[in-house]
Amino acid sequence: MAEVKTDVRMEENKEVTNKVNQAQENYIDERVKKITQEAVEAINLVTKVIELLDNKEKDKALEEIANILGKLEVLIARDPNLQVVPVDVKEQVIDFPGTIDDVEFAKAEVVRLIKEGEVQVARDIMLQLASELDIYVTALPIGTYPVVLKAIIPLIEQEKFEEAKALLIEALETLVIQKIVIPLPILRAEQTIIRANELANGENPNKDELKELLAYAKEQIALAEALGYKVDYKDLYEEIEKLEKILEGEESTKDIFETLKEKLSSLMVKFNQPKAPTQMPKAENKEENKEESK
């Protein structure tokens, strides 16, 4: 980790705050726009079919199943390679309020507590060691959903309503939840450098202001590193060091932030993807994990 003042957290520039808030909204809006109305209607109709099965309304249930399959066929026709279709988006922000020193102290406490068997207390602390926008996307698996619905049709025709309903409930349970994690310190660093780039390329840039913005971005990158968001920090710190030297000299500030801006924006693109679920380690894989870590 690069040497960064950590005992007091720097104050964020007002323009940067506005940019960060807008960027967060954009990430959420981007996912909301991908929600497909046909898929939402298909899910709602499944709930309606369950009610019809409870009332043993065979013909109406079959009619609604046909409607659902029709909507799903429209989606498949649009994109035969479609795997999942978003039907709902929710977001949650977790933002650790402390400094890098606070993070390091908390991590040491977690290790101590686990060694002492206080796993649940350690967990409560660990859950707070994050600074991120979490976007949860509920998605319909387009490949398997129509298959399940078609399997229900003969059951309804044979008036096996309870069996059909059980299969429908199983179909609803096949909805998948994707999680996208946007690390706020890296987002803040990116938006700070975007702001610095605007000022650096404007008329009569104030180098002291640019230094403050760069220092804030550096602090946020160090915070992201402390919180364990895995990226190539060495590359970022090297670029920041170059910029610090330029700002101490008499060189023009035009375009000096372009490289760092591009590096941070590239990182944000990588984070803006569904996160693979973390697999719980198993005792039988202990020896295998040891070999991999060598």
C-alpha atoms as a PDB file:
ATOM      1  CA  MET A   1       0.000   0.000   0.000  1.00  0.00           C
ATOM      2  CA  ALA A   2       1.333   3.451  -0.840  1.00  0.00           C
ATOM      3  CA  GLU A   3       2.003   5.766   2.093  1.00  0.00           C
ATOM      4  CA  VAL A   4      -1.164   7.788   2.625  1.00  0.00           C
ATOM      5  CA  LYS A   5      -2.281   9.890   5.580  1.00  0.00           C
ATOM      6  CA  THR A   6      -4.919   7.713   7.203  1.00  0.00           C
ATOM      7  CA  ASP A   7      -5.821   9.087  10.633  1.00  0.00           C
ATOM      8  CA  VAL A   8      -8.243  11.679   9.235  1.00  0.00           C
ATOM      9  CA  ARG A   9     -10.422  11.031   6.205  1.00  0.00           C
ATOM     10  CA  MET A  10     -10.226  13.798   3.602  1.00  0.00           C
ATOM     11  CA  GLU A  11     -13.305  15.811   2.711  1.00  0.00           C
ATOM     12  CA  GLU A  12     -14.790  15.170  -0.708  1.00  0.00           C
ATOM     13  CA  ASN A  13     -15.036  17.994  -3.246  1.00  0.00           C
ATOM     14  CA  LYS A  14     -18.683  19.106  -3.747  1.00  0.00           C
ATOM     15  CA  GLU A  15     -18.531  18.687  -7.540  1.00  0.00           C
ATOM     16  CA  VAL A  16     -17.052  15.220  -7.053  1.00  0.00           C
ATOM     17  CA  THR A  17     -19.896  14.277  -4.691  1.00  0.00           C
ATOM     18  CA  ASN A  18     -22.423  15.265  -7.348  1.00  0.00           C
ATOM     19  CA  LYS A  19     -20.558  13.213  -9.948  1.00  0.00           C
ATOM     20  CA  VAL A  20     -20.396  10.171  -7.642  1.00  0.00           C
ATOM     21  CA  ASN A  21     -24.127  10.357  -6.866  1.00  0.00           C
ATOM     22  CA  GLN A  22     -24.950  10.651 -10.563  1.00  0.00           C
ATOM     23  CA  ALA A  23     -22.653   7.745 -11.416  1.00  0.00           C
ATOM     24  CA  GLN A  24     -24.381   5.536  -8.815  1.00  0.00           C
ATOM     25  CA  GLU A  25     -27.787   6.400 -10.277  1.00  0.00           C
ATOM     26  CA  ASN A  26     -26.490   5.630 -13.760  1.00  0.00           C
ATOM     27  CA  TYR A  27     -25.309   2.161 -12.696  1.00  0.00           C
ATOM     28  CA  ILE A  28     -28.758   1.391 -11.279  1.00  0.00           C
ATOM     29  CA  ASP A  29     -30.629   2.907 -14.252  1.00  0.00           C
ATOM     30  CA  GLU A  30     -28.478   0.875 -16.643  1.00  0.00           C
ATOM     31  CA  ARG A  31     -29.727  -2.335 -15.021  1.00  0.00           C
ATOM     32  CA  VAL A  32     -33.338  -1.161 -14.738  1.00  0.00           C
ATOM     33  CA  LYS A  33     -33.403  -0.404 -18.482  1.00  0.00           C
ATOM     34  CA  LYS A  34     -32.559  -4.053 -19.187  1.00  0.00           C
ATOM     35  CA  ILE A  35     -35.729  -5.276 -17.475  1.00  0.00           C
ATOM     36  CA  THR A  36     -37.927  -6.877 -20.120  1.00  0.00           C
ATOM     37  CA  GLN A  37     -41.653  -6.279 -19.807  1.00  0.00           C
ATOM     38  CA  GLU A  38     -42.547  -9.644 -21.368  1.00  0.00           C
ATOM     39  CA  ALA A  39     -40.500 -11.430 -18.702  1.00  0.00           C
ATOM     40  CA  VAL A  40     -42.109  -9.423 -15.889  1.00  0.00           C
ATOM     41  CA  GLU A  41     -45.561 -10.210 -17.266  1.00  0.00           C
ATOM     42  CA  ALA A  42     -44.616 -13.886 -17.573  1.00  0.00           C
ATOM     43  CA  ILE A  43     -43.667 -14.004 -13.871  1.00  0.00           C
ATOM     44  CA  ASN A  44     -46.886 -12.225 -12.863  1.00  0.00           C
ATOM     45  CA  LEU A  45     -48.957 -14.636 -14.966  1.00  0.00           C
ATOM     46  CA  VAL A  46     -47.343 -17.623 -13.228  1.00  0.00           C
ATOM     47  CA  THR A  47     -48.684 -16.274  -9.930  1.00  0.00           C
ATOM     48  CA  LYS A  48     -52.096 -15.936 -11.569  1.00  0.00           C
ATOM     49  CA  VAL A  49     -51.934 -19.560 -12.830  1.00  0.00           C
ATOM     50  CA  ILE A  50     -51.249 -20.759  -9.286  1.00  0.00           C
ATOM     51  CA  GLU A  51     -54.454 -19.014  -8.134  1.00  0.00           C
ATOM     52  CA  LEU A  52     -56.386 -20.610 -11.004  1.00  0.00           C
ATOM     53  CA  LEU A  53     -55.051 -24.038 -10.041  1.00  0.00           C
ATOM     54  CA  ASP A  54     -56.154 -23.453  -6.444  1.00  0.00           C
ATOM     55  CA  ASN A  55     -59.646 -22.808  -7.837  1.00  0.00           C
ATOM     56  CA  LYS A  56     -59.321 -25.788 -10.219  1.00  0.00           C
ATOM     57  CA  GLU A  57     -60.041 -23.581 -13.234  1.00  0.00           C
ATOM     58  CA  LYS A  58     -58.451 -25.883 -15.768  1.00  0.00           C
ATOM     59  CA  ASP A  59     -59.218 -24.077 -19.046  1.00  0.00           C
ATOM     60  CA  LYS A  60     -58.243 -20.631 -17.784  1.00  0.00           C
ATOM     61  CA  ALA A  61     -55.003 -22.045 -16.341  1.00  0.00           C
ATOM     62  CA  LEU A  62     -54.102 -23.619 -19.705  1.00  0.00           C
ATOM     63  CA  GLU A  63     -54.918 -20.363 -21.468  1.00  0.00           C
ATOM     64  CA  GLU A  64     -52.595 -18.392 -19.188  1.00  0.00           C
ATOM     65  CA  ILE A  65     -49.804 -20.972 -19.613  1.00  0.00           C
ATOM     66  CA  ALA A  66     -50.109 -20.452 -23.375  1.00  0.00           C
ATOM     67  CA  ASN A  67     -49.868 -16.672 -22.820  1.00  0.00           C
ATOM     68  CA  ILE A  68     -46.718 -17.096 -20.745  1.00  0.00           C
ATOM     69  CA  LEU A  69     -45.063 -19.342 -23.330  1.00  0.00           C
ATOM     70  CA  GLY A  70     -45.971 -16.828 -26.037  1.00  0.00           C
ATOM     71  CA  LYS A  71     -44.243 -14.010 -24.159  1.00  0.00           C
ATOM     72  CA  LEU A  72     -41.150 -16.130 -23.590  1.00  0.00           C
ATOM     73  CA  GLU A  73     -41.051 -17.122 -27.263  1.00  0.00           C
ATOM     74  CA  VAL A  74     -40.964 -13.413 -28.175  1.00  0.00           C
ATOM     75  CA  LEU A  75     -37.896 -12.975 -25.972  1.00  0.00           C
ATOM     76  CA  ILE A  76     -36.139 -16.018 -27.445  1.00  0.00           C
ATOM     77  CA  ALA A  77     -36.963 -14.879 -30.993  1.00  0.00           C
ATOM     78  CA  ARG A  78     -35.318 -11.522 -30.278  1.00  0.00           C
ATOM     79  CA  ASP A  79     -32.139 -13.167 -28.998  1.00  0.00           C
ATOM     80  CA  PRO A  80     -31.728 -16.959 -29.414  1.00  0.00           C
ATOM     81  CA  ASN A  81     -28.561 -16.855 -27.255  1.00  0.00           C
ATOM     82  CA  LEU A  82     -30.352 -15.245 -24.324  1.00  0.00           C
ATOM     83  CA  GLN A  83     -29.610 -17.021 -21.034  1.00  0.00           C
ATOM     84  CA  VAL A  84     -31.281 -14.875 -18.371  1.00  0.00           C
ATOM     85  CA  VAL A  85     -33.719 -11.952 -18.515  1.00  0.00           C
ATOM     86  CA  PRO A  86     -33.806  -9.303 -15.744  1.00  0.00           C
ATOM     87  CA  VAL A  87     -37.195  -8.872 -14.078  1.00  0.00           C
ATOM     88  CA  ASP A  88     -36.323  -6.809 -10.989  1.00  0.00           C
ATOM     89  CA  VAL A  89     -33.506  -4.582  -9.680  1.00  0.00           C
ATOM     90  CA  LYS A  90     -32.785  -3.616  -6.086  1.00  0.00           C
ATOM     91  CA  GLU A  91     -29.848  -1.736  -4.638  1.00  0.00           C
ATOM     92  CA  GLN A  92     -28.121  -1.410  -1.283  1.00  0.00           C
ATOM     93  CA  VAL A  93     -25.314   0.905  -0.203  1.00  0.00           C
ATOM     94  CA  ILE A  94     -22.825  -0.117   2.478  1.00  0.00           C
ATOM     95  CA  ASP A  95     -20.331   2.660   3.177  1.00  0.00           C
ATOM     96  CA  PHE A  96     -17.693   2.230   5.859  1.00  0.00           C
ATOM     97  CA  PRO A  97     -17.400   5.703   7.449  1.00  0.00           C
ATOM     98  CA  GLY A  98     -13.949   5.351   8.965  1.00  0.00           C
ATOM     99  CA  THR A  99     -10.362   5.832   7.875  1.00  0.00           C
ATOM    100  CA  ILE A 100      -7.780   3.382   6.557  1.00  0.00           C
ATOM    101  CA  ASP A 101      -6.393   3.109  10.095  1.00  0.00           C
ATOM    102  CA  ASP A 102      -9.885   2.164  11.301  1.00  0.00           C
ATOM    103  CA  VAL A 103     -10.101  -0.535   8.630  1.00  0.00           C
ATOM    104  CA  GLU A 104      -6.732  -2.026   9.584  1.00  0.00           C
ATOM    105  CA  PHE A 105      -7.624  -1.979  13.292  1.00  0.00           C
ATOM    106  CA  ALA A 106     -10.992  -3.644  12.577  1.00  0.00           C
ATOM    107  CA  LYS A 107      -9.315  -6.357  10.484  1.00  0.00           C
ATOM    108  CA  ALA A 108      -6.883  -7.087  13.320  1.00  0.00           C
ATOM    109  CA  GLU A 109      -9.837  -7.286  15.722  1.00  0.00           C
ATOM    110  CA  VAL A 110     -11.600  -9.765  13.435  1.00  0.00           C
ATOM    111  CA  VAL A 111      -8.529 -12.021  13.410  1.00  0.00           C
ATOM    112  CA  ARG A 112      -8.282 -11.806  17.206  1.00  0.00           C
ATOM    113  CA  LEU A 113     -11.968 -12.553  17.713  1.00  0.00           C
ATOM    114  CA  ILE A 114     -11.899 -15.578  15.385  1.00  0.00           C
ATOM    115  CA  LYS A 115      -8.864 -16.986  17.203  1.00  0.00           C
ATOM    116  CA  GLU A 116     -10.804 -16.596  20.454  1.00  0.00           C
ATOM    117  CA  GLY A 117     -13.842 -18.367  18.977  1.00  0.00           C
ATOM    118  CA  GLU A 118     -15.985 -15.212  18.825  1.00  0.00           C
ATOM    119  CA  VAL A 119     -17.000 -15.956  15.234  1.00  0.00           C
ATOM    120  CA  GLN A 120     -20.378 -14.194  15.357  1.00  0.00           C
ATOM    121  CA  VAL A 121     -18.927 -10.981  16.796  1.00  0.00           C
ATOM    122  CA  ALA A 122     -16.199 -11.107  14.130  1.00  0.00           C
ATOM    123  CA  ARG A 123     -18.869 -11.579  11.469  1.00  0.00           C
ATOM    124  CA  ASP A 124     -20.751  -8.481  12.643  1.00  0.00           C
ATOM    125  CA  ILE A 125     -17.570  -6.434  12.231  1.00  0.00           C
ATOM    126  CA  MET A 126     -16.743  -8.004   8.860  1.00  0.00           C
ATOM    127  CA  LEU A 127     -20.157  -7.103   7.461  1.00  0.00           C
ATOM    128  CA  GLN A 128     -19.342  -3.438   8.076  1.00  0.00           C
ATOM    129  CA  LEU A 129     -15.957  -3.627   6.346  1.00  0.00           C
ATOM    130  CA  ALA A 130     -17.275  -2.618   2.950  1.00  0.00           C
ATOM    131  CA  SER A 131     -17.806   0.522   0.936  1.00  0.00           C
ATOM    132  CA  GLU A 132     -19.908  -0.391  -2.069  1.00  0.00           C
ATOM    133  CA  LEU A 133     -23.051  -0.060  -4.090  1.00  0.00           C
ATOM    134  CA  ASP A 134     -24.612  -3.524  -4.346  1.00  0.00           C
ATOM    135  CA  ILE A 135     -27.048  -4.023  -7.221  1.00  0.00           C
ATOM    136  CA  TYR A 136     -29.200  -7.165  -7.029  1.00  0.00           C
ATOM    137  CA  VAL A 137     -30.749  -8.243 -10.319  1.00  0.00           C
ATOM    138  CA  THR A 138     -33.458 -10.912 -10.225  1.00  0.00           C
ATOM    139  CA  ALA A 139     -33.420 -12.725 -13.550  1.00  0.00           C
ATOM    140  CA  LEU A 140     -35.535 -15.344 -15.285  1.00  0.00           C
ATOM    141  CA  PRO A 141     -33.533 -18.272 -16.752  1.00  0.00           C
ATOM    142  CA  ILE A 142     -34.970 -18.240 -20.266  1.00  0.00           C
ATOM    143  CA  GLY A 143     -33.476 -21.604 -21.198  1.00  0.00           C
ATOM    144  CA  THR A 144     -35.155 -23.729 -18.521  1.00  0.00           C
ATOM    145  CA  TYR A 145     -38.331 -21.805 -17.707  1.00  0.00           C
ATOM    146  CA  PRO A 146     -40.362 -22.713 -20.859  1.00  0.00           C
ATOM    147  CA  VAL A 147     -39.394 -26.397 -20.424  1.00  0.00           C
ATOM    148  CA  VAL A 148     -40.868 -26.457 -16.920  1.00  0.00           C
ATOM    149  CA  LEU A 149     -44.051 -24.710 -18.080  1.00  0.00           C
ATOM    150  CA  LYS A 150     -44.573 -27.170 -20.939  1.00  0.00           C
ATOM    151  CA  ALA A 151     -44.187 -30.071 -18.492  1.00  0.00           C
ATOM    152  CA  ILE A 152     -47.056 -28.617 -16.437  1.00  0.00           C
ATOM    153  CA  ILE A 153     -49.583 -28.661 -19.311  1.00  0.00           C
ATOM    154  CA  PRO A 154     -50.336 -32.447 -19.246  1.00  0.00           C
ATOM    155  CA  LEU A 155     -50.709 -32.309 -15.456  1.00  0.00           C
ATOM    156  CA  ILE A 156     -53.317 -29.573 -15.755  1.00  0.00           C
ATOM    157  CA  GLU A 157     -55.123 -31.477 -18.518  1.00  0.00           C
ATOM    158  CA  GLN A 158     -55.264 -34.503 -16.234  1.00  0.00           C
ATOM    159  CA  GLU A 159     -56.526 -32.190 -13.465  1.00  0.00           C
ATOM    160  CA  LYS A 160     -53.530 -32.986 -11.272  1.00  0.00           C
ATOM    161  CA  PHE A 161     -53.734 -29.459  -9.921  1.00  0.00           C
ATOM    162  CA  GLU A 162     -51.581 -29.900  -6.819  1.00  0.00           C
ATOM    163  CA  GLU A 163     -48.748 -31.515  -8.793  1.00  0.00           C
ATOM    164  CA  ALA A 164     -48.946 -28.765 -11.411  1.00  0.00           C
ATOM    165  CA  LYS A 165     -48.906 -26.096  -8.705  1.00  0.00           C
ATOM    166  CA  ALA A 166     -45.864 -27.683  -7.029  1.00  0.00           C
ATOM    167  CA  LEU A 167     -43.995 -27.585 -10.350  1.00  0.00           C
ATOM    168  CA  LEU A 168     -44.957 -23.950 -10.906  1.00  0.00           C
ATOM    169  CA  ILE A 169     -43.679 -23.005  -7.465  1.00  0.00           C
ATOM    170  CA  GLU A 170     -40.427 -24.804  -8.313  1.00  0.00           C
ATOM    171  CA  ALA A 171     -40.276 -22.795 -11.542  1.00  0.00           C
ATOM    172  CA  LEU A 172     -40.535 -19.549  -9.556  1.00  0.00           C
ATOM    173  CA  GLU A 173     -37.685 -20.754  -7.366  1.00  0.00           C
ATOM    174  CA  THR A 174     -35.432 -21.089 -10.421  1.00  0.00           C
ATOM    175  CA  LEU A 175     -35.249 -17.294 -10.674  1.00  0.00           C
ATOM    176  CA  VAL A 176     -31.614 -16.318 -10.188  1.00  0.00           C
ATOM    177  CA  ILE A 177     -30.247 -13.328  -8.303  1.00  0.00           C
ATOM    178  CA  GLN A 178     -27.154 -11.683  -9.738  1.00  0.00           C
ATOM    179  CA  LYS A 179     -25.086  -9.338  -7.597  1.00  0.00           C
ATOM    180  CA  ILE A 180     -23.043  -6.471  -9.022  1.00  0.00           C
ATOM    181  CA  VAL A 181     -20.594  -4.864  -6.590  1.00  0.00           C
ATOM    182  CA  ILE A 182     -19.472  -1.307  -7.347  1.00  0.00           C
ATOM    183  CA  PRO A 183     -16.668  -0.337  -4.909  1.00  0.00           C
ATOM    184  CA  LEU A 184     -17.382   3.235  -3.818  1.00  0.00           C
ATOM    185  CA  PRO A 185     -13.755   4.227  -3.099  1.00  0.00           C
ATOM    186  CA  ILE A 186     -12.722   3.313  -6.643  1.00  0.00           C
ATOM    187  CA  LEU A 187     -15.820   5.016  -8.038  1.00  0.00           C
ATOM    188  CA  ARG A 188     -14.972   8.126  -6.008  1.00  0.00           C
ATOM    189  CA  ALA A 189     -11.378   8.031  -7.206  1.00  0.00           C
ATOM    190  CA  GLU A 190     -12.569   7.723 -10.805  1.00  0.00           C
ATOM    191  CA  GLN A 191     -15.017  10.631 -10.525  1.00  0.00           C
ATOM    192  CA  THR A 192     -12.422  12.730  -8.692  1.00  0.00           C
ATOM    193  CA  ILE A 193      -9.924  12.237 -11.507  1.00  0.00           C
ATOM    194  CA  ILE A 194     -12.615  12.999 -14.097  1.00  0.00           C
ATOM    195  CA  ARG A 195     -13.194  16.301 -12.270  1.00  0.00           C
ATOM    196  CA  ALA A 196      -9.443  16.954 -12.024  1.00  0.00           C
ATOM    197  CA  ASN A 197      -9.111  16.272 -15.744  1.00  0.00           C
ATOM    198  CA  GLU A 198     -11.820  18.846 -16.502  1.00  0.00           C
ATOM    199  CA  LEU A 199     -10.049  21.477 -14.419  1.00  0.00           C
ATOM    200  CA  ALA A 200      -6.589  20.591 -15.725  1.00  0.00           C
ATOM    201  CA  ASN A 201      -7.766  21.111 -19.302  1.00  0.00           C
ATOM    202  CA  GLY A 202      -9.620  24.325 -18.525  1.00  0.00           C
ATOM    203  CA  GLU A 203      -8.381  27.901 -18.430  1.00  0.00           C
ATOM    204  CA  ASN A 204      -5.860  28.821 -15.724  1.00  0.00           C
ATOM    205  CA  PRO A 205      -5.969  25.526 -13.780  1.00  0.00           C
ATOM    206  CA  ASN A 206      -5.213  25.845 -10.069  1.00  0.00           C
ATOM    207  CA  LYS A 207      -2.439  23.362  -9.282  1.00  0.00           C
ATOM    208  CA  ASP A 208      -3.194  23.424  -5.543  1.00  0.00           C
ATOM    209  CA  GLU A 209      -6.768  22.358  -6.276  1.00  0.00           C
ATOM    210  CA  LEU A 210      -5.507  19.627  -8.600  1.00  0.00           C
ATOM    211  CA  LYS A 211      -3.134  18.407  -5.880  1.00  0.00           C
ATOM    212  CA  GLU A 212      -6.035  18.183  -3.410  1.00  0.00           C
ATOM    213  CA  LEU A 213      -8.146  16.216  -5.859  1.00  0.00           C
ATOM    214  CA  LEU A 214      -5.276  13.850  -6.606  1.00  0.00           C
ATOM    215  CA  ALA A 215      -4.595  13.372  -2.874  1.00  0.00           C
ATOM    216  CA  TYR A 216      -8.264  12.521  -2.317  1.00  0.00           C
ATOM    217  CA  ALA A 217      -8.265  10.020  -5.184  1.00  0.00           C
ATOM    218  CA  LYS A 218      -5.101   8.450  -3.781  1.00  0.00           C
ATOM    219  CA  GLU A 219      -6.690   8.144  -0.347  1.00  0.00           C
ATOM    220  CA  GLN A 220      -9.769   6.478  -1.805  1.00  0.00           C
ATOM    221  CA  ILE A 221      -7.640   4.006  -3.756  1.00  0.00           C
ATOM    222  CA  ALA A 222      -5.751   3.176  -0.542  1.00  0.00           C
ATOM    223  CA  LEU A 223      -9.101   2.699   1.245  1.00  0.00           C
ATOM    224  CA  ALA A 224     -10.268   0.332  -1.504  1.00  0.00           C
ATOM    225  CA  GLU A 225      -7.045  -1.636  -1.107  1.00  0.00           C
ATOM    226  CA  ALA A 226      -7.473  -1.828   2.682  1.00  0.00           C
ATOM    227  CA  LEU A 227     -11.047  -3.072   2.231  1.00  0.00           C
ATOM    228  CA  GLY A 228      -9.855  -5.808  -0.109  1.00  0.00           C
ATOM    229  CA  TYR A 229     -11.281  -4.806  -3.488  1.00  0.00           C
ATOM    230  CA  LYS A 230      -8.815  -6.603  -5.729  1.00  0.00           C
ATOM    231  CA  VAL A 231      -7.269  -4.523  -8.524  1.00  0.00           C
ATOM    232  CA  ASP A 232      -3.770  -3.654  -9.756  1.00  0.00           C
ATOM    233  CA  TYR A 233      -2.956  -0.990  -7.159  1.00  0.00           C
ATOM    234  CA  LYS A 234       0.731  -0.831  -8.057  1.00  0.00           C
ATOM    235  CA  ASP A 235      -0.144   0.445 -11.525  1.00  0.00           C
ATOM    236  CA  LEU A 236      -2.444   3.115 -10.059  1.00  0.00           C
ATOM    237  CA  TYR A 237       0.068   4.287  -7.469  1.00  0.00           C
ATOM    238  CA  GLU A 238       2.816   4.562 -10.083  1.00  0.00           C
ATOM    239  CA  GLU A 239       0.599   6.775 -12.231  1.00  0.00           C
ATOM    240  CA  ILE A 240      -0.325   8.924  -9.211  1.00  0.00           C
ATOM    241  CA  GLU A 241       3.358   9.340  -8.349  1.00  0.00           C
ATOM    242  CA  LYS A 242       4.022  10.625 -11.880  1.00  0.00           C
ATOM    243  CA  LEU A 243       1.183  13.126 -11.539  1.00  0.00           C
ATOM    244  CA  GLU A 244       2.411  14.327  -8.133  1.00  0.00           C
ATOM    245  CA  LYS A 245       5.798  15.143  -9.660  1.00  0.00           C
ATOM    246  CA  ILE A 246       4.212  16.945 -12.625  1.00  0.00           C
ATOM    247  CA  LEU A 247       2.071  19.080 -10.326  1.00  0.00           C
ATOM    248  CA  GLU A 248       5.153  20.094  -8.337  1.00  0.00           C
ATOM    249  CA  GLY A 249       6.848  21.352 -11.509  1.00  0.00           C
ATOM    250  CA  GLU A 250       6.131  23.985 -14.123  1.00  0.00           C
ATOM    251  CA  GLU A 251       4.737  21.649 -16.810  1.00  0.00           C
ATOM    252  CA  SER A 252       1.368  22.176 -18.465  1.00  0.00           C
ATOM    253  CA  THR A 253      -1.497  20.265 -16.848  1.00  0.00           C
ATOM    254  CA  LYS A 254      -3.263  19.612 -20.162  1.00  0.00           C
ATOM    255  CA  ASP A 255      -4.286  15.944 -20.486  1.00  0.00           C
ATOM    256  CA  ILE A 256      -2.045  14.852 -17.593  1.00  0.00           C
ATOM    257  CA  PHE A 257      -4.911  12.971 -15.916  1.00  0.00           C
ATOM    258  CA  GLU A 258      -6.002  11.082 -19.059  1.00  0.00           C
ATOM    259  CA  THR A 259      -4.045   7.882 -18.341  1.00  0.00           C
ATOM    260  CA  LEU A 260      -5.187   7.601 -14.717  1.00  0.00           C
ATOM    261  CA  LYS A 261      -8.756   8.394 -15.748  1.00  0.00           C
ATOM    262  CA  GLU A 262      -8.682   5.600 -18.343  1.00  0.00           C
ATOM    263  CA  LYS A 263      -7.189   3.100 -15.886  1.00  0.00           C
ATOM    264  CA  LEU A 264      -9.879   3.827 -13.278  1.00  0.00           C
ATOM    265  CA  SER A 265     -12.701   3.768 -15.838  1.00  0.00           C
ATOM    266  CA  SER A 266     -11.452   0.397 -17.123  1.00  0.00           C
ATOM    267  CA  LEU A 267     -11.562  -0.946 -13.562  1.00  0.00           C
ATOM    268  CA  MET A 268     -15.134   0.255 -13.132  1.00  0.00           C
ATOM    269  CA  VAL A 269     -16.154  -1.572 -16.322  1.00  0.00           C
ATOM    270  CA  LYS A 270     -14.718  -4.793 -14.855  1.00  0.00           C
ATOM    271  CA  PHE A 271     -16.563  -4.316 -11.572  1.00  0.00           C
ATOM    272  CA  ASN A 272     -19.840  -3.600 -13.389  1.00  0.00           C
ATOM    273  CA  GLN A 273     -20.407  -7.314 -14.004  1.00  0.00           C
ATOM    274  CA  PRO A 274     -22.355  -9.940 -12.026  1.00  0.00           C
ATOM    275  CA  LYS A 275     -20.154 -11.276  -9.240  1.00  0.00           C
ATOM    276  CA  ALA A 276     -19.551 -15.020  -9.127  1.00  0.00           C
ATOM    277  CA  PRO A 277     -20.963 -16.520  -5.897  1.00  0.00           C
ATOM    278  CA  THR A 278     -18.335 -17.191  -3.244  1.00  0.00           C
ATOM    279  CA  GLN A 279     -18.023 -20.924  -2.687  1.00  0.00           C
ATOM    280  CA  MET A 280     -17.979 -22.095   0.900  1.00  0.00           C
ATOM    281  CA  PRO A 281     -14.702 -23.963   1.558  1.00  0.00           C
ATOM    282  CA  LYS A 282     -15.120 -27.613   2.528  1.00  0.00           C
ATOM    283  CA  ALA A 283     -12.995 -29.599   4.929  1.00  0.00           C
ATOM    284  CA  GLU A 284     -12.393 -32.399   2.375  1.00  0.00           C
ATOM    285  CA  ASN A 285     -10.753 -29.860   0.039  1.00  0.00           C
ATOM    286  CA  LYS A 286      -8.283 -28.703   2.675  1.00  0.00           C
ATOM    287  CA  GLU A 287      -5.276 -30.587   1.289  1.00  0.00           C
ATOM    288  CA  GLU A 288      -6.179 -29.606  -2.298  1.00  0.00           C
ATOM    289  CA  ASN A 289      -6.295 -25.915  -1.317  1.00  0.00           C
ATOM    290  CA  LYS A 290      -2.890 -26.232   0.348  1.00  0.00           C
ATOM    291  CA  GLU A 291      -1.402 -27.561  -2.863  1.00  0.00           C
ATOM    292  CA  GLU A 292      -2.929 -24.725  -4.933  1.00  0.00           C
ATOM    293  CA  SER A 293      -1.528 -22.078  -2.569  1.00  0.00           C
ATOM    294  CA  LYS A 294       2.041 -23.354  -2.930  1.00  0.00           C
END
